[in-house]
PDB file of N, CA and C in Angstrom:
ATOM      1  N   LEU A   1       0.758  -1.493   0.035  1.00  0.00           N
ATOM      2  CA  LEU A   1      -0.358  -0.166   0.032  1.00  0.00           C
ATOM      3  C   LEU A   1       0.970   1.113   0.062  1.00  0.00           C
ATOM      4  N   ARG A   2       2.196   1.250   0.709  1.00  0.00           N
ATOM      5  CA  ARG A   2       2.921   2.487   0.788  1.00  0.00           C
ATOM      6  C   ARG A   2       3.568   2.569  -0.410  1.00  0.00           C
ATOM      7  N   GLY A   3       3.972   1.550  -1.118  1.00  0.00           N
ATOM      8  CA  GLY A   3       4.311   1.815  -2.614  1.00  0.00           C
ATOM      9  C   GLY A   3       3.638   2.612  -3.458  1.00  0.00           C
ATOM     10  N   ARG A   4       2.230   2.057  -3.487  1.00  0.00           N
ATOM     11  CA  ARG A   4       1.159   2.574  -4.670  1.00  0.00           C
ATOM     12  C   ARG A   4       0.721   4.127  -4.002  1.00  0.00           C
ATOM     13  N   PHE A   5       1.016   4.274  -2.931  1.00  0.00           N
ATOM     14  CA  PHE A   5       1.152   5.706  -2.289  1.00  0.00           C
ATOM     15  C   PHE A   5       2.073   6.773  -2.780  1.00  0.00           C
ATOM     16  N   GLN A   6       3.103   6.345  -2.819  1.00  0.00           N
ATOM     17  CA  GLN A   6       4.314   7.205  -3.159  1.00  0.00           C
ATOM     18  C   GLN A   6       4.174   6.960  -4.865  1.00  0.00           C
ATOM     19  N   GLU A   7       3.846   6.242  -5.164  1.00  0.00           N
ATOM     20  CA  GLU A   7       3.824   6.532  -6.872  1.00  0.00           C
ATOM     21  C   GLU A   7       2.536   7.377  -7.357  1.00  0.00           C
ATOM     22  N   THR A   8       1.481   7.192  -6.484  1.00  0.00           N
ATOM     23  CA  THR A   8       0.358   8.394  -6.757  1.00  0.00           C
ATOM     24  C   THR A   8       0.921   9.617  -6.690  1.00  0.00           C
ATOM     25  N   TYR A   9       1.829  10.009  -5.657  1.00  0.00           N
ATOM     26  CA  TYR A   9       2.332  11.102  -5.056  1.00  0.00           C
ATOM     27  C   TYR A   9       3.183  11.603  -6.199  1.00  0.00           C
ATOM     28  N   ILE A  10       4.192  10.722  -6.554  1.00  0.00           N
ATOM     29  CA  ILE A  10       5.108  11.285  -7.542  1.00  0.00           C
ATOM     30  C   ILE A  10       4.334  11.994  -8.942  1.00  0.00           C
ATOM     31  N   VAL A  11       3.164  11.054  -9.627  1.00  0.00           N
ATOM     32  CA  VAL A  11       2.254  11.660 -10.206  1.00  0.00           C
ATOM     33  C   VAL A  11       1.568  12.867 -10.303  1.00  0.00           C
ATOM     34  N   ASN A  12       0.988  12.907  -8.780  1.00  0.00           N
ATOM     35  CA  ASN A  12       0.192  14.274  -8.837  1.00  0.00           C
ATOM     36  C   ASN A  12       0.860  15.381  -8.802  1.00  0.00           C
ATOM     37  N   GLN A  13       2.072  15.313  -8.037  1.00  0.00           N
ATOM     38  CA  GLN A  13       2.762  16.380  -7.610  1.00  0.00           C
ATOM     39  C   GLN A  13       4.099  16.563  -8.823  1.00  0.00           C
ATOM     40  N   TRP A  14       3.935  15.850 -10.016  1.00  0.00           N
ATOM     41  CA  TRP A  14       4.974  16.175 -10.804  1.00  0.00           C
ATOM     42  C   TRP A  14       5.382  17.590 -11.176  1.00  0.00           C
ATOM     43  N   ALA A  15       4.188  18.380 -11.483  1.00  0.00           N
ATOM     44  CA  ALA A  15       4.711  19.752 -11.760  1.00  0.00           C
ATOM     45  C   ALA A  15       5.508  20.285 -10.544  1.00  0.00           C
ATOM     46  N   GLU A  16       5.413  20.256  -9.328  1.00  0.00           N
ATOM     47  CA  GLU A  16       6.022  21.094  -8.454  1.00  0.00           C
ATOM     48  C   GLU A  16       7.477  20.088  -7.910  1.00  0.00           C
ATOM     49  N   ILE A  17       7.504  18.930  -8.456  1.00  0.00           N
ATOM     50  CA  ILE A  17       8.903  18.065  -8.187  1.00  0.00           C
ATOM     51  C   ILE A  17       9.680  18.592  -9.402  1.00  0.00           C
ATOM     52  N   MET A  18       9.033  18.974 -10.325  1.00  0.00           N
ATOM     53  CA  MET A  18      10.214  19.075 -11.884  1.00  0.00           C
ATOM     54  C   MET A  18       9.993  20.617 -12.378  1.00  0.00           C
ATOM     55  N   GLY A  19       9.036  21.164 -11.939  1.00  0.00           N
ATOM     56  CA  GLY A  19       9.085  22.815 -12.219  1.00  0.00           C
ATOM     57  C   GLY A  19       7.989  22.748 -13.465  1.00  0.00           C
ATOM     58  N   LYS A  20       7.308  23.782 -13.724  1.00  0.00           N
ATOM     59  CA  LYS A  20       6.311  24.515 -14.388  1.00  0.00           C
ATOM     60  C   LYS A  20       6.755  24.212 -15.821  1.00  0.00           C
ATOM     61  N   PRO A  21       7.918  24.741 -16.482  1.00  0.00           N
ATOM     62  CA  PRO A  21       8.070  24.452 -17.736  1.00  0.00           C
ATOM     63  C   PRO A  21       8.317  22.945 -18.194  1.00  0.00           C
ATOM     64  N   ILE A  22       8.799  22.206 -17.363  1.00  0.00           N
ATOM     65  CA  ILE A  22       9.096  20.498 -17.579  1.00  0.00           C
ATOM     66  C   ILE A  22       7.690  20.129 -17.579  1.00  0.00           C
ATOM     67  N   ALA A  23       6.729  20.357 -16.651  1.00  0.00           N
ATOM     68  CA  ALA A  23       5.631  20.203 -16.255  1.00  0.00           C
ATOM     69  C   ALA A  23       4.427  20.232 -17.614  1.00  0.00           C
ATOM     70  N   GLU A  24       4.802  21.464 -18.469  1.00  0.00           N
ATOM     71  CA  GLU A  24       3.807  22.097 -19.394  1.00  0.00           C
ATOM     72  C   GLU A  24       4.234  20.901 -20.785  1.00  0.00           C
ATOM     73  N   ARG A  25       5.260  20.521 -20.539  1.00  0.00           N
ATOM     74  CA  ARG A  25       6.018  19.617 -21.725  1.00  0.00           C
ATOM     75  C   ARG A  25       5.996  18.214 -21.639  1.00  0.00           C
ATOM     76  N   THR A  26       5.068  17.763 -20.449  1.00  0.00           N
ATOM     77  CA  THR A  26       4.980  16.630 -20.256  1.00  0.00           C
ATOM     78  C   THR A  26       3.484  16.411 -20.276  1.00  0.00           C
ATOM     79  N   GLY A  27       3.610  14.870 -21.415  1.00  0.00           N
ATOM     80  CA  GLY A  27       2.038  14.345 -21.617  1.00  0.00           C
ATOM     81  C   GLY A  27       1.528  13.650 -20.470  1.00  0.00           C
ATOM     82  N   ARG A  28       1.303  12.592 -20.741  1.00  0.00           N
ATOM     83  CA  ARG A  28       0.832  11.377 -19.740  1.00  0.00           C
ATOM     84  C   ARG A  28       2.023  11.072 -18.826  1.00  0.00           C
ATOM     85  N   ILE A  29       1.710  10.347 -17.322  1.00  0.00           N
ATOM     86  CA  ILE A  29       2.516  10.212 -16.436  1.00  0.00           C
ATOM     87  C   ILE A  29       1.803   9.003 -15.869  1.00  0.00           C
ATOM     88  N   TYR A  30       2.271   7.727 -15.978  1.00  0.00           N
ATOM     89  CA  TYR A  30       1.956   6.706 -15.277  1.00  0.00           C
ATOM     90  C   TYR A  30       2.957   6.069 -14.800  1.00  0.00           C
ATOM     91  N   ILE A  31       3.118   5.001 -13.898  1.00  0.00           N
ATOM     92  CA  ILE A  31       3.869   4.349 -13.173  1.00  0.00           C
ATOM     93  C   ILE A  31       3.185   2.594 -13.118  1.00  0.00           C
ATOM     94  N   ARG A  32       4.108   1.930 -13.721  1.00  0.00           N
ATOM     95  CA  ARG A  32       3.627   0.340 -13.339  1.00  0.00           C
ATOM     96  C   ARG A  32       5.085  -0.002 -13.417  1.00  0.00           C
ATOM     97  N   LYS A  33       5.029  -1.016 -12.402  1.00  0.00           N
ATOM     98  CA  LYS A  33       5.962  -2.138 -11.807  1.00  0.00           C
ATOM     99  C   LYS A  33       7.180  -1.085 -11.396  1.00  0.00           C
ATOM    100  N   LYS A  34       7.175  -0.366 -10.679  1.00  0.00           N
ATOM    101  CA  LYS A  34       8.209   0.588 -10.516  1.00  0.00           C
ATOM    102  C   LYS A  34       8.945   1.011 -12.085  1.00  0.00           C
ATOM    103  N   ILE A  35       8.397   0.975 -12.919  1.00  0.00           N
ATOM    104  CA  ILE A  35       9.038   2.157 -13.817  1.00  0.00           C
ATOM    105  C   ILE A  35       8.005   3.266 -14.227  1.00  0.00           C
ATOM    106  N   LEU A  36       8.556   4.405 -14.208  1.00  0.00           N
ATOM    107  CA  LEU A  36       8.090   5.652 -14.501  1.00  0.00           C
ATOM    108  C   LEU A  36       7.540   5.863 -16.059  1.00  0.00           C
ATOM    109  N   TYR A  37       6.882   5.903 -16.706  1.00  0.00           N
ATOM    110  CA  TYR A  37       6.483   6.302 -17.929  1.00  0.00           C
ATOM    111  C   TYR A  37       6.099   7.594 -18.399  1.00  0.00           C
ATOM    112  N   LEU A  38       6.790   8.153 -19.143  1.00  0.00           N
ATOM    113  CA  LEU A  38       6.885   9.787 -19.270  1.00  0.00           C
ATOM    114  C   LEU A  38       6.707  10.119 -20.606  1.00  0.00           C
ATOM    115  N   GLU A  39       5.426  10.793 -21.108  1.00  0.00           N
ATOM    116  CA  GLU A  39       5.395  11.084 -22.363  1.00  0.00           C
ATOM    117  C   GLU A  39       5.573  12.290 -22.471  1.00  0.00           C
ATOM    118  N   LEU A  40       6.647  12.786 -23.253  1.00  0.00           N
ATOM    119  CA  LEU A  40       7.154  14.134 -23.378  1.00  0.00           C
ATOM    120  C   LEU A  40       6.778  15.063 -24.646  1.00  0.00           C
ATOM    121  N   LEU A  41       6.476  16.304 -24.601  1.00  0.00           N
ATOM    122  CA  LEU A  41       5.954  16.824 -25.611  1.00  0.00           C
ATOM    123  C   LEU A  41       7.084  17.510 -26.726  1.00  0.00           C
ATOM    124  N   SER A  42       8.414  17.240 -25.741  1.00  0.00           N
ATOM    125  CA  SER A  42       9.506  18.099 -26.876  1.00  0.00           C
ATOM    126  C   SER A  42      10.847  17.342 -26.842  1.00  0.00           C
ATOM    127  N   ALA A  43      11.060  16.939 -27.983  1.00  0.00           N
ATOM    128  CA  ALA A  43      12.278  15.940 -28.448  1.00  0.00           C
ATOM    129  C   ALA A  43      13.735  16.981 -27.644  1.00  0.00           C
ATOM    130  N   PRO A  44      14.019  17.685 -27.599  1.00  0.00           N
ATOM    131  CA  PRO A  44      14.987  18.382 -26.903  1.00  0.00           C
ATOM    132  C   PRO A  44      15.010  17.677 -25.170  1.00  0.00           C
ATOM    133  N   LEU A  45      13.772  18.077 -24.555  1.00  0.00           N
ATOM    134  CA  LEU A  45      13.416  17.837 -23.355  1.00  0.00           C
ATOM    135  C   LEU A  45      13.953  16.404 -22.897  1.00  0.00           C
ATOM    136  N   LYS A  46      13.128  15.595 -24.105  1.00  0.00           N
ATOM    137  CA  LYS A  46      13.516  14.131 -23.749  1.00  0.00           C
ATOM    138  C   LYS A  46      14.870  14.030 -23.833  1.00  0.00           C
ATOM    139  N   GLN A  47      15.669  14.652 -24.924  1.00  0.00           N
ATOM    140  CA  GLN A  47      17.164  14.055 -24.823  1.00  0.00           C
ATOM    141  C   GLN A  47      18.080  14.682 -23.453  1.00  0.00           C
ATOM    142  N   GLU A  48      17.371  15.697 -23.172  1.00  0.00           N
ATOM    143  CA  GLU A  48      18.185  16.218 -21.849  1.00  0.00           C
ATOM    144  C   GLU A  48      17.904  15.407 -20.540  1.00  0.00           C
ATOM    145  N   LEU A  49      16.774  15.133 -20.618  1.00  0.00           N
ATOM    146  CA  LEU A  49      16.056  14.262 -19.130  1.00  0.00           C
ATOM    147  C   LEU A  49      16.465  12.791 -19.450  1.00  0.00           C
ATOM    148  N   GLN A  50      16.934  12.112 -20.944  1.00  0.00           N
ATOM    149  CA  GLN A  50      17.578  11.073 -20.734  1.00  0.00           C
ATOM    150  C   GLN A  50      18.952  10.937 -20.640  1.00  0.00           C
ATOM    151  N   SER A  51      19.696  12.041 -20.588  1.00  0.00           N
ATOM    152  CA  SER A  51      20.791  12.209 -20.180  1.00  0.00           C
ATOM    153  C   SER A  51      20.937  12.152 -18.976  1.00  0.00           C
ATOM    154  N   HIS A  52      20.043  12.876 -17.897  1.00  0.00           N
ATOM    155  CA  HIS A  52      20.103  12.961 -16.568  1.00  0.00           C
ATOM    156  C   HIS A  52      19.041  11.947 -15.776  1.00  0.00           C
ATOM    157  N   LYS A  53      18.841  10.730 -16.719  1.00  0.00           N
ATOM    158  CA  LYS A  53      18.008   9.991 -16.114  1.00  0.00           C
ATOM    159  C   LYS A  53      18.226   9.204 -14.723  1.00  0.00           C
ATOM    160  N   GLN A  54      19.375   8.687 -14.442  1.00  0.00           N
ATOM    161  CA  GLN A  54      19.518   8.514 -13.297  1.00  0.00           C
ATOM    162  C   GLN A  54      19.741   9.178 -12.102  1.00  0.00           C
ATOM    163  N   LYS A  55      20.102  10.616 -12.371  1.00  0.00           N
ATOM    164  CA  LYS A  55      19.959  11.286 -11.375  1.00  0.00           C
ATOM    165  C   LYS A  55      18.291  11.853 -11.033  1.00  0.00           C
ATOM    166  N   LEU A  56      17.520  11.675 -11.849  1.00  0.00           N
ATOM    167  CA  LEU A  56      16.115  12.025 -11.801  1.00  0.00           C
ATOM    168  C   LEU A  56      15.566  10.747 -10.948  1.00  0.00           C
ATOM    169  N   ILE A  57      15.987   9.514 -11.136  1.00  0.00           N
ATOM    170  CA  ILE A  57      15.532   8.805 -10.561  1.00  0.00           C
ATOM    171  C   ILE A  57      16.046   8.312  -9.333  1.00  0.00           C
ATOM    172  N   GLU A  58      17.001   9.069  -8.864  1.00  0.00           N
ATOM    173  CA  GLU A  58      17.426   9.409  -7.307  1.00  0.00           C
ATOM    174  C   GLU A  58      16.778  10.223  -6.748  1.00  0.00           C
ATOM    175  N   LYS A  59      16.380  11.349  -7.666  1.00  0.00           N
ATOM    176  CA  LYS A  59      15.530  12.382  -6.483  1.00  0.00           C
ATOM    177  C   LYS A  59      14.220  11.827  -6.607  1.00  0.00           C
ATOM    178  N   LEU A  60      13.747  11.509  -7.526  1.00  0.00           N
ATOM    179  CA  LEU A  60      12.472  10.921  -7.257  1.00  0.00           C
ATOM    180  C   LEU A  60      12.238   9.876  -6.109  1.00  0.00           C
ATOM    181  N   ASN A  61      13.393   9.185  -5.775  1.00  0.00           N
ATOM    182  CA  ASN A  61      13.301   8.304  -4.437  1.00  0.00           C
ATOM    183  C   ASN A  61      13.866   8.650  -3.327  1.00  0.00           C
ATOM    184  N   GLN A  62      14.363   9.847  -3.453  1.00  0.00           N
ATOM    185  CA  GLN A  62      14.545  10.419  -2.378  1.00  0.00           C
ATOM    186  C   GLN A  62      13.460  11.328  -1.575  1.00  0.00           C
ATOM    187  N   LEU A  63      12.815  11.711  -2.502  1.00  0.00           N
ATOM    188  CA  LEU A  63      11.402  12.502  -1.974  1.00  0.00           C
ATOM    189  C   LEU A  63      10.326  11.595  -1.542  1.00  0.00           C
ATOM    190  N   THR A  64      10.516  10.353  -1.947  1.00  0.00           N
ATOM    191  CA  THR A  64       9.402   9.347  -1.292  1.00  0.00           C
ATOM    192  C   THR A  64       9.900   8.572  -0.187  1.00  0.00           C
ATOM    193  N   ALA A  65      11.347   8.357  -0.304  1.00  0.00           N
ATOM    194  CA  ALA A  65      12.295   7.949   0.821  1.00  0.00           C
ATOM    195  C   ALA A  65      12.115   6.373   0.725  1.00  0.00           C
ATOM    196  N   SER A  66      12.159   6.399  -0.471  1.00  0.00           N
ATOM    197  CA  SER A  66      12.243   4.337  -1.057  1.00  0.00           C
ATOM    198  C   SER A  66      12.615   4.261  -2.137  1.00  0.00           C
ATOM    199  N   GLY A  67      12.589   3.219  -2.668  1.00  0.00           N
ATOM    200  CA  GLY A  67      12.775   2.902  -4.042  1.00  0.00           C
ATOM    201  C   GLY A  67      11.584   2.797  -5.231  1.00  0.00           C
ATOM    202  N   ALA A  68      10.809   3.700  -5.007  1.00  0.00           N
ATOM    203  CA  ALA A  68       9.692   3.600  -5.291  1.00  0.00           C
ATOM    204  C   ALA A  68       9.791   3.376  -7.326  1.00  0.00           C
ATOM    205  N   ILE A  69      10.820   4.073  -7.968  1.00  0.00           N
ATOM    206  CA  ILE A  69      11.170   4.266  -9.165  1.00  0.00           C
ATOM    207  C   ILE A  69      12.172   3.617  -9.242  1.00  0.00           C
ATOM    208  N   GLU A  70      12.307   2.556 -10.386  1.00  0.00           N
ATOM    209  CA  GLU A  70      13.458   1.677 -10.625  1.00  0.00           C
ATOM    210  C   GLU A  70      14.061   1.777 -11.960  1.00  0.00           C
ATOM    211  N   ASP A  71      13.496   2.628 -12.838  1.00  0.00           N
ATOM    212  CA  ASP A  71      13.801   2.821 -14.356  1.00  0.00           C
ATOM    213  C   ASP A  71      12.694   3.819 -14.959  1.00  0.00           C
ATOM    214  N   ILE A  72      13.000   4.594 -15.944  1.00  0.00           N
ATOM    215  CA  ILE A  72      11.798   5.542 -16.454  1.00  0.00           C
ATOM    216  C   ILE A  72      12.245   5.154 -17.836  1.00  0.00           C
ATOM    217  N   ILE A  73      11.113   5.349 -18.353  1.00  0.00           N
ATOM    218  CA  ILE A  73      10.790   4.957 -19.698  1.00  0.00           C
ATOM    219  C   ILE A  73      10.436   6.263 -20.577  1.00  0.00           C
ATOM    220  N   PHE A  74      10.834   6.829 -21.755  1.00  0.00           N
ATOM    221  CA  PHE A  74      10.438   8.431 -22.273  1.00  0.00           C
ATOM    222  C   PHE A  74       9.725   7.836 -23.296  1.00  0.00           C
ATOM    223  N   LEU A  75       8.517   8.314 -23.497  1.00  0.00           N
ATOM    224  CA  LEU A  75       7.943   7.922 -24.697  1.00  0.00           C
ATOM    225  C   LEU A  75       7.539   9.006 -25.697  1.00  0.00           C
TER     226      LEU A  75
END
């Protein structure tokens, strides 16, 4: 139950976690089996986030104080 709560927190707080500019260029966000799926509407943003993927995973896991996210897939 705790893991599901942390996943919901990440999805609902995406704009506050990443900031308004990134949130505006993000389409769908969902988590399945500890994998965060992000639909990005900007190719340069997708490339930038891809290069900082591990740091983003660490940041999200620190915010939830757990290993809620193991991987990120950019759509």
